Amino acid sequence: MNVEELIYLLSKQDPKTRVVTAGYENGFEDVEHVRFGILFRRKNQEWWDGTYDEDNHWKAAPEEVVMIYGSYRK
């Protein structure tokens, strides 16, 4: 998903609708942090690993991203 797609989806919602993210192990929590940065696509990651990483062990092209976090991750 890119910013344009996210804005389109969010624009259909009531502006007062709460935005949440997955909790650390269970449930959901409020979004508390939004970061902008560069990540690299992993190659052959395990199913439990994320698709992107801050380290470029795979010599992948850098991608500008928006990262949305709850309170458990800063």
N, C-alpha and C. Protein backbone atom coordinates (compact mmCIF):
# COMPACT_ATOMS: atom_id res chain seq x y z
N MET A 1 0.86 -1.17 0.00
CA MET A 1 0.00 0.00 0.00
C MET A 1 0.90 1.24 0.00
N ASN A 2 0.49 2.25 -0.70
CA ASN A 2 1.24 3.49 -0.70
C ASN A 2 0.40 4.60 -0.06
N VAL A 3 1.00 5.78 0.10
CA VAL A 3 0.33 6.90 0.76
C VAL A 3 -0.97 7.27 0.05
N GLU A 4 -0.94 7.31 -1.27
CA GLU A 4 -2.14 7.66 -2.04
C GLU A 4 -3.29 6.70 -1.74
N GLU A 5 -2.99 5.40 -1.71
CA GLU A 5 -4.02 4.40 -1.42
C GLU A 5 -4.55 4.53 0.01
N LEU A 6 -3.64 4.78 0.95
CA LEU A 6 -4.06 4.94 2.34
C LEU A 6 -4.93 6.17 2.52
N ILE A 7 -4.53 7.28 1.93
CA ILE A 7 -5.34 8.51 2.02
C ILE A 7 -6.72 8.28 1.42
N TYR A 8 -6.78 7.60 0.29
CA TYR A 8 -8.08 7.31 -0.34
C TYR A 8 -8.98 6.52 0.61
N LEU A 9 -8.45 5.47 1.21
CA LEU A 9 -9.25 4.65 2.13
C LEU A 9 -9.67 5.45 3.37
N LEU A 10 -8.73 6.20 3.93
CA LEU A 10 -9.05 6.97 5.13
C LEU A 10 -10.02 8.10 4.85
N SER A 11 -10.00 8.64 3.65
CA SER A 11 -10.88 9.77 3.32
C SER A 11 -12.36 9.36 3.31
N LYS A 12 -12.63 8.06 3.26
CA LYS A 12 -14.01 7.57 3.28
C LYS A 12 -14.55 7.43 4.70
N GLN A 13 -13.68 7.59 5.70
CA GLN A 13 -14.07 7.41 7.09
C GLN A 13 -14.40 8.75 7.74
N ASP A 14 -15.17 8.68 8.82
CA ASP A 14 -15.42 9.86 9.63
C ASP A 14 -14.07 10.34 10.16
N PRO A 15 -13.74 11.64 10.05
CA PRO A 15 -12.45 12.14 10.51
C PRO A 15 -12.17 11.90 11.99
N LYS A 16 -13.20 11.63 12.77
CA LYS A 16 -13.03 11.38 14.21
C LYS A 16 -12.82 9.90 14.53
N THR A 17 -12.83 9.04 13.51
CA THR A 17 -12.64 7.60 13.73
C THR A 17 -11.26 7.33 14.30
N ARG A 18 -11.21 6.52 15.35
CA ARG A 18 -9.95 6.16 15.99
C ARG A 18 -9.12 5.28 15.05
N VAL A 19 -7.81 5.48 15.06
CA VAL A 19 -6.88 4.66 14.28
C VAL A 19 -6.08 3.83 15.28
N VAL A 20 -6.03 2.51 15.06
CA VAL A 20 -5.32 1.61 15.96
C VAL A 20 -4.32 0.77 15.17
N THR A 21 -3.45 0.13 15.91
CA THR A 21 -2.48 -0.80 15.34
C THR A 21 -2.48 -2.06 16.20
N ALA A 22 -1.95 -3.13 15.67
CA ALA A 22 -1.92 -4.39 16.42
C ALA A 22 -1.11 -4.23 17.70
N GLY A 23 -1.59 -4.86 18.78
CA GLY A 23 -0.85 -4.86 20.04
C GLY A 23 0.37 -5.76 19.94
N TYR A 24 1.21 -5.71 20.97
CA TYR A 24 2.46 -6.48 20.95
C TYR A 24 2.19 -7.97 20.78
N GLU A 25 1.28 -8.52 21.57
CA GLU A 25 0.94 -9.93 21.43
C GLU A 25 -0.52 -10.14 21.08
N ASN A 26 -1.40 -9.37 21.69
CA ASN A 26 -2.84 -9.54 21.47
C ASN A 26 -3.51 -8.17 21.40
N GLY A 27 -4.68 -8.15 20.82
CA GLY A 27 -5.49 -6.94 20.83
C GLY A 27 -4.94 -5.83 19.94
N PHE A 28 -5.44 -4.63 20.22
CA PHE A 28 -5.08 -3.45 19.44
C PHE A 28 -4.79 -2.30 20.38
N GLU A 29 -4.06 -1.30 19.90
CA GLU A 29 -3.78 -0.11 20.70
C GLU A 29 -3.74 1.12 19.81
N ASP A 30 -3.83 2.29 20.43
CA ASP A 30 -3.80 3.53 19.68
C ASP A 30 -2.46 3.73 18.98
N VAL A 31 -2.50 4.39 17.84
CA VAL A 31 -1.28 4.80 17.16
C VAL A 31 -0.66 5.93 17.96
N GLU A 32 0.62 5.82 18.27
CA GLU A 32 1.30 6.86 19.04
C GLU A 32 2.49 7.46 18.31
N HIS A 33 3.01 6.77 17.32
CA HIS A 33 4.21 7.25 16.63
C HIS A 33 4.07 7.03 15.13
N VAL A 34 4.47 8.01 14.36
CA VAL A 34 4.57 7.87 12.91
C VAL A 34 5.97 8.31 12.53
N ARG A 35 6.71 7.43 11.89
CA ARG A 35 8.08 7.73 11.46
C ARG A 35 8.17 7.62 9.95
N PHE A 36 9.09 8.36 9.41
CA PHE A 36 9.39 8.30 7.98
C PHE A 36 10.84 7.86 7.86
N GLY A 37 11.12 6.96 6.93
CA GLY A 37 12.49 6.49 6.81
C GLY A 37 12.72 5.67 5.57
N ILE A 38 13.86 5.01 5.57
CA ILE A 38 14.28 4.15 4.47
C ILE A 38 14.35 2.72 4.99
N LEU A 39 13.72 1.79 4.28
CA LEU A 39 13.82 0.37 4.59
C LEU A 39 14.25 -0.39 3.34
N PHE A 40 14.65 -1.64 3.55
CA PHE A 40 15.12 -2.50 2.47
C PHE A 40 14.32 -3.80 2.47
N ARG A 41 13.90 -4.25 1.30
CA ARG A 41 13.12 -5.48 1.18
C ARG A 41 14.03 -6.68 1.48
N ARG A 42 13.55 -7.55 2.36
CA ARG A 42 14.29 -8.78 2.68
C ARG A 42 14.14 -9.78 1.54
N LYS A 43 15.10 -10.65 1.42
CA LYS A 43 15.00 -11.75 0.45
C LYS A 43 14.89 -13.05 1.23
N ASN A 44 13.94 -13.87 0.87
CA ASN A 44 13.76 -15.20 1.48
C ASN A 44 13.58 -15.14 2.99
N GLN A 45 12.79 -14.18 3.47
CA GLN A 45 12.58 -14.07 4.91
C GLN A 45 11.73 -15.22 5.42
N GLU A 46 11.88 -15.49 6.71
CA GLU A 46 11.03 -16.49 7.35
C GLU A 46 9.62 -15.93 7.44
N TRP A 47 8.62 -16.79 7.60
CA TRP A 47 7.24 -16.33 7.61
C TRP A 47 6.96 -15.38 8.77
N TRP A 48 7.74 -15.48 9.85
CA TRP A 48 7.50 -14.63 11.02
C TRP A 48 8.24 -13.30 10.93
N ASP A 49 9.13 -13.15 9.96
CA ASP A 49 9.86 -11.90 9.79
C ASP A 49 9.08 -10.95 8.90
N GLY A 50 9.27 -9.67 9.12
CA GLY A 50 8.65 -8.68 8.25
C GLY A 50 9.29 -8.68 6.87
N THR A 51 8.61 -8.09 5.93
CA THR A 51 9.09 -8.02 4.55
C THR A 51 10.25 -7.05 4.40
N TYR A 52 10.32 -6.05 5.28
CA TYR A 52 11.34 -5.00 5.17
C TYR A 52 12.20 -4.95 6.41
N ASP A 53 13.42 -4.40 6.26
CA ASP A 53 14.36 -4.30 7.38
C ASP A 53 15.11 -2.98 7.28
N GLU A 54 15.60 -2.49 8.42
CA GLU A 54 16.40 -1.27 8.42
C GLU A 54 17.83 -1.54 7.94
N ASP A 55 18.29 -2.76 8.07
CA ASP A 55 19.63 -3.13 7.60
C ASP A 55 19.53 -3.69 6.19
N ASN A 56 20.52 -3.42 5.38
CA ASN A 56 20.49 -3.86 3.98
C ASN A 56 21.43 -5.04 3.75
N HIS A 57 21.17 -6.15 4.42
CA HIS A 57 21.98 -7.35 4.24
C HIS A 57 21.78 -7.98 2.87
N TRP A 58 20.71 -7.60 2.18
CA TRP A 58 20.33 -8.25 0.93
C TRP A 58 20.68 -7.43 -0.30
N LYS A 59 21.35 -6.28 -0.06
CA LYS A 59 21.73 -5.38 -1.16
C LYS A 59 20.51 -4.98 -2.01
N ALA A 60 19.41 -4.74 -1.33
CA ALA A 60 18.16 -4.34 -1.98
C ALA A 60 18.15 -2.83 -2.20
N ALA A 61 17.31 -2.39 -3.11
CA ALA A 61 17.14 -0.96 -3.35
C ALA A 61 16.44 -0.33 -2.14
N PRO A 62 16.86 0.86 -1.72
CA PRO A 62 16.18 1.52 -0.61
C PRO A 62 14.79 1.97 -1.00
N GLU A 63 13.86 1.91 -0.04
CA GLU A 63 12.49 2.36 -0.27
C GLU A 63 12.10 3.34 0.83
N GLU A 64 11.57 4.51 0.43
CA GLU A 64 11.04 5.46 1.41
C GLU A 64 9.72 4.90 1.93
N VAL A 65 9.55 4.93 3.25
CA VAL A 65 8.36 4.34 3.86
C VAL A 65 7.82 5.23 4.98
N VAL A 66 6.56 4.98 5.32
CA VAL A 66 5.92 5.55 6.50
C VAL A 66 5.70 4.39 7.46
N MET A 67 6.18 4.52 8.70
CA MET A 67 6.05 3.46 9.70
C MET A 67 5.11 3.95 10.80
N ILE A 68 4.08 3.17 11.10
CA ILE A 68 3.06 3.54 12.08
C ILE A 68 3.15 2.57 13.25
N TYR A 69 3.30 3.12 14.47
CA TYR A 69 3.52 2.30 15.65
C TYR A 69 2.53 2.62 16.76
N GLY A 70 2.33 1.63 17.62
CA GLY A 70 1.64 1.85 18.88
C GLY A 70 2.66 2.17 19.95
N SER A 71 2.25 2.11 21.22
CA SER A 71 3.14 2.51 22.32
C SER A 71 4.27 1.53 22.58
N TYR A 72 4.11 0.27 22.21
CA TYR A 72 5.12 -0.73 22.55
C TYR A 72 6.39 -0.60 21.72
N ARG A 73 6.34 0.15 20.64
CA ARG A 73 7.52 0.27 19.77
C ARG A 73 7.76 1.74 19.48
N LYS A 74 8.94 2.21 19.78
CA LYS A 74 9.21 3.64 19.60
C LYS A 74 10.31 3.88 18.61
